[in-house]
């Protein structure tokens, strides 16, 4: 699959070949959904906690005698039916981590990239560089590239100026190639990727 190679001025400077095994792979929607659910689950901290009746303070003695008061029998004022009592079957700390084989994770990524390629939402740049961090310059560059909605920018490595320039744009996220994931590919409309990052992704997913 061939796409146009564009510079930061929005001009076509050549053509670049996208690997069919990655950008024209069969689209497996259930697999993408599974990868998305796994990623969201793994992001959960699982630090929620409520106290049971043995953990709340107080309630050490029986509030009144068992018989003869006319009231229901009670053993503790920290039982679940009392205000300030313990919680029955409340959440406790746990791990939400889900496992997924590497081949399945890579196949899900290829499916998501193939969807982007089929929709012509992949913009390949010859290079993406900035001398100093300027949010306005990044916004103008995306405008020249005809990116009219949300965009995911994938960089081959650390670039402080480019990262700072993209940080304040509300519908733009910058990601390094090694951290490319299904969730961001599905959430953002356009994929903006320099040639160096493209080569790195193809090497990772080959």
C-alpha atoms as a PDB file:
ATOM      1  CA  UNK A   1       0.000   0.000   0.000  1.00  0.00           C
ATOM      2  CA  UNK A   2       1.397   3.382  -1.028  1.00  0.00           C
ATOM      3  CA  UNK A   3       0.618   6.714   0.654  1.00  0.00           C
ATOM      4  CA  UNK A   4       1.879  10.232   0.099  1.00  0.00           C
ATOM      5  CA  UNK A   5       4.933  11.444   1.989  1.00  0.00           C
ATOM      6  CA  UNK A   6       4.279  14.978   3.231  1.00  0.00           C
ATOM      7  CA  UNK A   7       6.487  17.651   4.765  1.00  0.00           C
ATOM      8  CA  UNK A   8       5.491  20.007   7.596  1.00  0.00           C
ATOM      9  CA  UNK A   9       4.376  22.621   5.069  1.00  0.00           C
ATOM     10  CA  UNK A  10       1.702  20.234   3.803  1.00  0.00           C
ATOM     11  CA  UNK A  11       3.436  19.572   0.468  1.00  0.00           C
ATOM     12  CA  UNK A  12       3.744  16.107  -1.042  1.00  0.00           C
ATOM     13  CA  UNK A  13       7.414  15.253  -1.425  1.00  0.00           C
ATOM     14  CA  UNK A  14       7.155  11.613  -2.452  1.00  0.00           C
ATOM     15  CA  UNK A  15       5.543   8.249  -1.828  1.00  0.00           C
ATOM     16  CA  UNK A  16       6.075   5.746   0.957  1.00  0.00           C
ATOM     17  CA  UNK A  17       5.214   2.048   1.036  1.00  0.00           C
ATOM     18  CA  UNK A  18       3.182   0.752   3.994  1.00  0.00           C
ATOM     19  CA  UNK A  19       3.667  -2.924   4.803  1.00  0.00           C
ATOM     20  CA  UNK A  20       0.535  -4.861   3.827  1.00  0.00           C
ATOM     21  CA  UNK A  21       1.032  -7.308   6.714  1.00  0.00           C
ATOM     22  CA  UNK A  22       0.541  -4.415   9.148  1.00  0.00           C
ATOM     23  CA  UNK A  23      -1.566  -1.799   7.341  1.00  0.00           C
ATOM     24  CA  UNK A  24      -3.707  -4.073   5.192  1.00  0.00           C
ATOM     25  CA  UNK A  25      -4.241  -6.922   7.634  1.00  0.00           C
ATOM     26  CA  UNK A  26      -7.663  -8.571   8.166  1.00  0.00           C
ATOM     27  CA  UNK A  27      -9.705  -6.461  10.597  1.00  0.00           C
ATOM     28  CA  UNK A  28     -10.676  -8.491  13.656  1.00  0.00           C
ATOM     29  CA  UNK A  29     -13.186  -6.403  15.634  1.00  0.00           C
ATOM     30  CA  UNK A  30     -13.638  -8.857  18.551  1.00  0.00           C
ATOM     31  CA  UNK A  31      -9.870  -8.999  18.993  1.00  0.00           C
ATOM     32  CA  UNK A  32      -9.611  -5.193  19.031  1.00  0.00           C
ATOM     33  CA  UNK A  33     -12.416  -5.078  21.595  1.00  0.00           C
ATOM     34  CA  UNK A  34     -10.632  -7.625  23.783  1.00  0.00           C
ATOM     35  CA  UNK A  35      -7.388  -5.640  23.592  1.00  0.00           C
ATOM     36  CA  UNK A  36      -9.255  -2.435  24.456  1.00  0.00           C
ATOM     37  CA  UNK A  37     -10.993  -4.011  27.467  1.00  0.00           C
ATOM     38  CA  UNK A  38      -7.673  -5.457  28.662  1.00  0.00           C
ATOM     39  CA  UNK A  39      -5.947  -2.094  28.420  1.00  0.00           C
ATOM     40  CA  UNK A  40      -8.715  -0.299  30.324  1.00  0.00           C
ATOM     41  CA  UNK A  41      -8.776  -3.039  32.976  1.00  0.00           C
ATOM     42  CA  UNK A  42      -4.992  -2.922  33.441  1.00  0.00           C
ATOM     43  CA  UNK A  43      -5.210   0.832  34.010  1.00  0.00           C
ATOM     44  CA  UNK A  44      -7.450   0.342  37.063  1.00  0.00           C
ATOM     45  CA  UNK A  45      -5.693   0.707  40.406  1.00  0.00           C
ATOM     46  CA  UNK A  46      -7.960  -1.593  42.404  1.00  0.00           C
ATOM     47  CA  UNK A  47      -7.266   0.318  45.628  1.00  0.00           C
ATOM     48  CA  UNK A  48     -10.943   0.594  46.652  1.00  0.00           C
ATOM     49  CA  UNK A  49     -11.686  -0.484  50.229  1.00  0.00           C
ATOM     50  CA  UNK A  50     -14.618  -0.500  52.637  1.00  0.00           C
ATOM     51  CA  UNK A  51     -14.610  -1.626  56.265  1.00  0.00           C
ATOM     52  CA  UNK A  52     -16.492  -4.650  57.520  1.00  0.00           C
ATOM     53  CA  UNK A  53     -18.088  -4.863  60.972  1.00  0.00           C
ATOM     54  CA  UNK A  54     -14.870  -6.201  62.464  1.00  0.00           C
ATOM     55  CA  UNK A  55     -12.908  -3.160  61.215  1.00  0.00           C
ATOM     56  CA  UNK A  56     -15.093  -0.162  62.123  1.00  0.00           C
ATOM     57  CA  UNK A  57     -14.490   1.516  65.474  1.00  0.00           C
ATOM     58  CA  UNK A  58     -16.822   0.845  68.420  1.00  0.00           C
ATOM     59  CA  UNK A  59     -19.549  -1.698  68.945  1.00  0.00           C
ATOM     60  CA  UNK A  60     -17.665  -3.739  71.463  1.00  0.00           C
ATOM     61  CA  UNK A  61     -20.569  -4.388  73.802  1.00  0.00           C
ATOM     62  CA  UNK A  62     -24.155  -5.509  73.364  1.00  0.00           C
ATOM     63  CA  UNK A  63     -26.340  -2.334  73.189  1.00  0.00           C
ATOM     64  CA  UNK A  64     -29.122  -3.794  75.368  1.00  0.00           C
ATOM     65  CA  UNK A  65     -30.054  -7.066  76.935  1.00  0.00           C
ATOM     66  CA  UNK A  66     -31.345  -9.900  74.779  1.00  0.00           C
ATOM     67  CA  UNK A  67     -34.883 -10.106  76.157  1.00  0.00           C
ATOM     68  CA  UNK A  68     -37.477  -7.965  77.845  1.00  0.00           C
ATOM     69  CA  UNK A  69     -36.989  -4.564  76.165  1.00  0.00           C
ATOM     70  CA  UNK A  70     -39.583  -4.973  73.420  1.00  0.00           C
ATOM     71  CA  UNK A  71     -36.976  -4.106  70.818  1.00  0.00           C
ATOM     72  CA  UNK A  72     -35.269  -6.347  68.295  1.00  0.00           C
ATOM     73  CA  UNK A  73     -32.264  -8.231  69.593  1.00  0.00           C
ATOM     74  CA  UNK A  74     -28.948  -6.597  68.734  1.00  0.00           C
ATOM     75  CA  UNK A  75     -25.406  -7.740  69.324  1.00  0.00           C
ATOM     76  CA  UNK A  76     -23.472  -4.650  68.200  1.00  0.00           C
ATOM     77  CA  UNK A  77     -24.133  -1.090  67.100  1.00  0.00           C
ATOM     78  CA  UNK A  78     -21.601  -1.637  64.305  1.00  0.00           C
ATOM     79  CA  UNK A  79     -23.618  -4.342  62.540  1.00  0.00           C
ATOM     80  CA  UNK A  80     -24.469  -3.602  58.900  1.00  0.00           C
ATOM     81  CA  UNK A  81     -28.028  -2.382  59.585  1.00  0.00           C
ATOM     82  CA  UNK A  82     -26.789   0.382  61.900  1.00  0.00           C
ATOM     83  CA  UNK A  83     -25.716   3.829  60.773  1.00  0.00           C
ATOM     84  CA  UNK A  84     -21.918   3.824  60.946  1.00  0.00           C
ATOM     85  CA  UNK A  85     -21.844   0.043  60.833  1.00  0.00           C
ATOM     86  CA  UNK A  86     -19.730  -2.203  58.657  1.00  0.00           C
ATOM     87  CA  UNK A  87     -20.359  -2.825  54.965  1.00  0.00           C
ATOM     88  CA  UNK A  88     -21.425  -6.278  53.788  1.00  0.00           C
ATOM     89  CA  UNK A  89     -19.558  -7.631  50.746  1.00  0.00           C
ATOM     90  CA  UNK A  90     -17.995  -4.230  50.020  1.00  0.00           C
ATOM     91  CA  UNK A  91     -15.096  -3.740  47.601  1.00  0.00           C
ATOM     92  CA  UNK A  92     -11.648  -4.749  48.793  1.00  0.00           C
ATOM     93  CA  UNK A  93      -8.243  -4.170  47.146  1.00  0.00           C
ATOM     94  CA  UNK A  94      -7.749  -6.419  44.136  1.00  0.00           C
ATOM     95  CA  UNK A  95      -5.921  -6.556  40.831  1.00  0.00           C
ATOM     96  CA  UNK A  96      -7.881  -6.127  37.598  1.00  0.00           C
ATOM     97  CA  UNK A  97      -4.943  -7.207  35.433  1.00  0.00           C
ATOM     98  CA  UNK A  98      -5.836  -9.244  32.358  1.00  0.00           C
ATOM     99  CA  UNK A  99      -3.352 -11.276  30.352  1.00  0.00           C
ATOM    100  CA  UNK A 100      -3.249 -11.458  26.558  1.00  0.00           C
ATOM    101  CA  UNK A 101      -0.753 -13.343  24.386  1.00  0.00           C
ATOM    102  CA  UNK A 102       1.746 -11.218  22.487  1.00  0.00           C
ATOM    103  CA  UNK A 103       0.576 -12.490  19.099  1.00  0.00           C
ATOM    104  CA  UNK A 104      -2.985 -11.450  19.901  1.00  0.00           C
ATOM    105  CA  UNK A 105      -1.851  -7.999  21.076  1.00  0.00           C
ATOM    106  CA  UNK A 106       0.113  -7.465  17.878  1.00  0.00           C
ATOM    107  CA  UNK A 107      -2.746  -8.731  15.718  1.00  0.00           C
ATOM    108  CA  UNK A 108      -5.092  -6.257  17.448  1.00  0.00           C
ATOM    109  CA  UNK A 109      -2.631  -3.427  16.732  1.00  0.00           C
ATOM    110  CA  UNK A 110      -2.401  -4.455  13.085  1.00  0.00           C
ATOM    111  CA  UNK A 111      -6.210  -4.504  12.864  1.00  0.00           C
ATOM    112  CA  UNK A 112      -6.447  -0.984  14.309  1.00  0.00           C
ATOM    113  CA  UNK A 113      -3.717   0.304  11.963  1.00  0.00           C
ATOM    114  CA  UNK A 114      -5.455  -1.338   9.009  1.00  0.00           C
ATOM    115  CA  UNK A 115      -8.700   0.450   9.899  1.00  0.00           C
ATOM    116  CA  UNK A 116      -6.845   3.780   9.920  1.00  0.00           C
ATOM    117  CA  UNK A 117      -5.222   3.008   6.564  1.00  0.00           C
ATOM    118  CA  UNK A 118      -8.556   1.971   5.001  1.00  0.00           C
ATOM    119  CA  UNK A 119     -10.115   5.269   6.132  1.00  0.00           C
ATOM    120  CA  UNK A 120      -7.142   7.297   4.757  1.00  0.00           C
ATOM    121  CA  UNK A 121      -6.505   8.677   8.237  1.00  0.00           C
ATOM    122  CA  UNK A 122      -2.745   8.043   8.262  1.00  0.00           C
ATOM    123  CA  UNK A 123      -0.508  11.064   7.593  1.00  0.00           C
ATOM    124  CA  UNK A 124       3.150  10.149   6.970  1.00  0.00           C
ATOM    125  CA  UNK A 125       5.683  12.963   7.388  1.00  0.00           C
ATOM    126  CA  UNK A 126       9.235  13.066   6.103  1.00  0.00           C
ATOM    127  CA  UNK A 127      10.204  14.456   9.531  1.00  0.00           C
ATOM    128  CA  UNK A 128       8.612  16.224  12.495  1.00  0.00           C
ATOM    129  CA  UNK A 129      10.974  18.641  14.225  1.00  0.00           C
ATOM    130  CA  UNK A 130      10.698  21.936  16.066  1.00  0.00           C
ATOM    131  CA  UNK A 131      13.499  24.262  17.124  1.00  0.00           C
ATOM    132  CA  UNK A 132      11.696  25.470  20.250  1.00  0.00           C
ATOM    133  CA  UNK A 133       8.397  24.446  21.900  1.00  0.00           C
ATOM    134  CA  UNK A 134       5.547  26.427  20.295  1.00  0.00           C
ATOM    135  CA  UNK A 135       1.960  25.252  20.619  1.00  0.00           C
ATOM    136  CA  UNK A 136       0.867  27.685  17.903  1.00  0.00           C
ATOM    137  CA  UNK A 137       3.402  26.286  15.445  1.00  0.00           C
ATOM    138  CA  UNK A 138       2.217  22.728  16.104  1.00  0.00           C
ATOM    139  CA  UNK A 139      -1.416  23.770  15.583  1.00  0.00           C
ATOM    140  CA  UNK A 140      -0.502  25.468  12.290  1.00  0.00           C
ATOM    141  CA  UNK A 141       1.462  22.407  11.146  1.00  0.00           C
ATOM    142  CA  UNK A 142      -1.538  20.133  11.788  1.00  0.00           C
ATOM    143  CA  UNK A 143      -3.763  22.597   9.919  1.00  0.00           C
ATOM    144  CA  UNK A 144      -1.439  22.462   6.908  1.00  0.00           C
ATOM    145  CA  UNK A 145      -1.594  18.651   7.040  1.00  0.00           C
ATOM    146  CA  UNK A 146      -5.421  18.858   6.786  1.00  0.00           C
ATOM    147  CA  UNK A 147      -5.843  17.236  10.191  1.00  0.00           C
ATOM    148  CA  UNK A 148      -9.248  18.710  11.037  1.00  0.00           C
ATOM    149  CA  UNK A 149     -10.091  16.594  14.116  1.00  0.00           C
ATOM    150  CA  UNK A 150      -8.327  14.704  16.897  1.00  0.00           C
ATOM    151  CA  UNK A 151      -4.858  13.366  16.144  1.00  0.00           C
ATOM    152  CA  UNK A 152      -2.406  10.874  17.595  1.00  0.00           C
ATOM    153  CA  UNK A 153       1.210  11.838  16.884  1.00  0.00           C
ATOM    154  CA  UNK A 154       3.687   8.969  17.088  1.00  0.00           C
ATOM    155  CA  UNK A 155       7.358   9.826  17.501  1.00  0.00           C
ATOM    156  CA  UNK A 156      10.344   7.456  17.141  1.00  0.00           C
ATOM    157  CA  UNK A 157      11.882   8.655  20.412  1.00  0.00           C
ATOM    158  CA  UNK A 158      12.137  11.518  22.857  1.00  0.00           C
ATOM    159  CA  UNK A 159      11.811  15.011  21.385  1.00  0.00           C
ATOM    160  CA  UNK A 160      11.324  17.619  24.090  1.00  0.00           C
ATOM    161  CA  UNK A 161      10.357  20.505  21.786  1.00  0.00           C
ATOM    162  CA  UNK A 162       7.745  18.511  19.856  1.00  0.00           C
ATOM    163  CA  UNK A 163       6.294  16.985  23.032  1.00  0.00           C
ATOM    164  CA  UNK A 164       5.919  20.370  24.735  1.00  0.00           C
ATOM    165  CA  UNK A 165       4.390  21.844  21.574  1.00  0.00           C
ATOM    166  CA  UNK A 166       1.676  19.173  21.414  1.00  0.00           C
ATOM    167  CA  UNK A 167       0.881  18.963  25.135  1.00  0.00           C
ATOM    168  CA  UNK A 168      -1.498  21.933  25.285  1.00  0.00           C
ATOM    169  CA  UNK A 169      -3.555  21.044  22.208  1.00  0.00           C
ATOM    170  CA  UNK A 170      -6.849  19.601  23.524  1.00  0.00           C
ATOM    171  CA  UNK A 171      -7.470  16.968  20.819  1.00  0.00           C
ATOM    172  CA  UNK A 172      -3.863  15.932  20.221  1.00  0.00           C
ATOM    173  CA  UNK A 173      -1.848  13.257  21.987  1.00  0.00           C
ATOM    174  CA  UNK A 174       1.823  12.524  21.433  1.00  0.00           C
ATOM    175  CA  UNK A 175       3.098   9.000  21.909  1.00  0.00           C
ATOM    176  CA  UNK A 176       6.394   7.237  21.346  1.00  0.00           C
ATOM    177  CA  UNK A 177       6.366   4.341  18.902  1.00  0.00           C
ATOM    178  CA  UNK A 178       7.148   1.701  21.526  1.00  0.00           C
ATOM    179  CA  UNK A 179       3.969   2.669  23.425  1.00  0.00           C
ATOM    180  CA  UNK A 180       1.563   2.480  20.474  1.00  0.00           C
ATOM    181  CA  UNK A 181      -1.676   0.900  21.673  1.00  0.00           C
ATOM    182  CA  UNK A 182      -5.154  -0.048  20.476  1.00  0.00           C
ATOM    183  CA  UNK A 183      -7.034   2.367  22.736  1.00  0.00           C
ATOM    184  CA  UNK A 184      -5.311   5.495  21.412  1.00  0.00           C
ATOM    185  CA  UNK A 185      -5.615   4.297  17.818  1.00  0.00           C
ATOM    186  CA  UNK A 186      -9.370   3.859  18.253  1.00  0.00           C
ATOM    187  CA  UNK A 187      -9.955   7.072  20.227  1.00  0.00           C
ATOM    188  CA  UNK A 188      -8.090   9.520  17.953  1.00  0.00           C
ATOM    189  CA  UNK A 189      -9.192  10.108  14.353  1.00  0.00           C
ATOM    190  CA  UNK A 190      -5.884  10.765  12.601  1.00  0.00           C
ATOM    191  CA  UNK A 191      -2.522   9.041  12.963  1.00  0.00           C
ATOM    192  CA  UNK A 192       0.350  11.445  12.273  1.00  0.00           C
ATOM    193  CA  UNK A 193       3.619   9.593  11.991  1.00  0.00           C
ATOM    194  CA  UNK A 194       7.123  10.612  10.823  1.00  0.00           C
ATOM    195  CA  UNK A 195       8.982   8.232   8.538  1.00  0.00           C
ATOM    196  CA  UNK A 196      11.435   7.235  11.289  1.00  0.00           C
ATOM    197  CA  UNK A 197       8.587   6.229  13.607  1.00  0.00           C
ATOM    198  CA  UNK A 198       6.922   4.299  10.770  1.00  0.00           C
ATOM    199  CA  UNK A 199      10.088   2.248  10.253  1.00  0.00           C
ATOM    200  CA  UNK A 200      10.234   1.535  13.993  1.00  0.00           C
ATOM    201  CA  UNK A 201       6.591   0.371  14.143  1.00  0.00           C
ATOM    202  CA  UNK A 202       7.109  -1.916  11.144  1.00  0.00           C
ATOM    203  CA  UNK A 203      10.188  -3.348  12.836  1.00  0.00           C
ATOM    204  CA  UNK A 204       8.274  -3.982  16.088  1.00  0.00           C
ATOM    205  CA  UNK A 205       5.245  -5.562  14.416  1.00  0.00           C
ATOM    206  CA  UNK A 206       7.074  -7.430  11.670  1.00  0.00           C
END
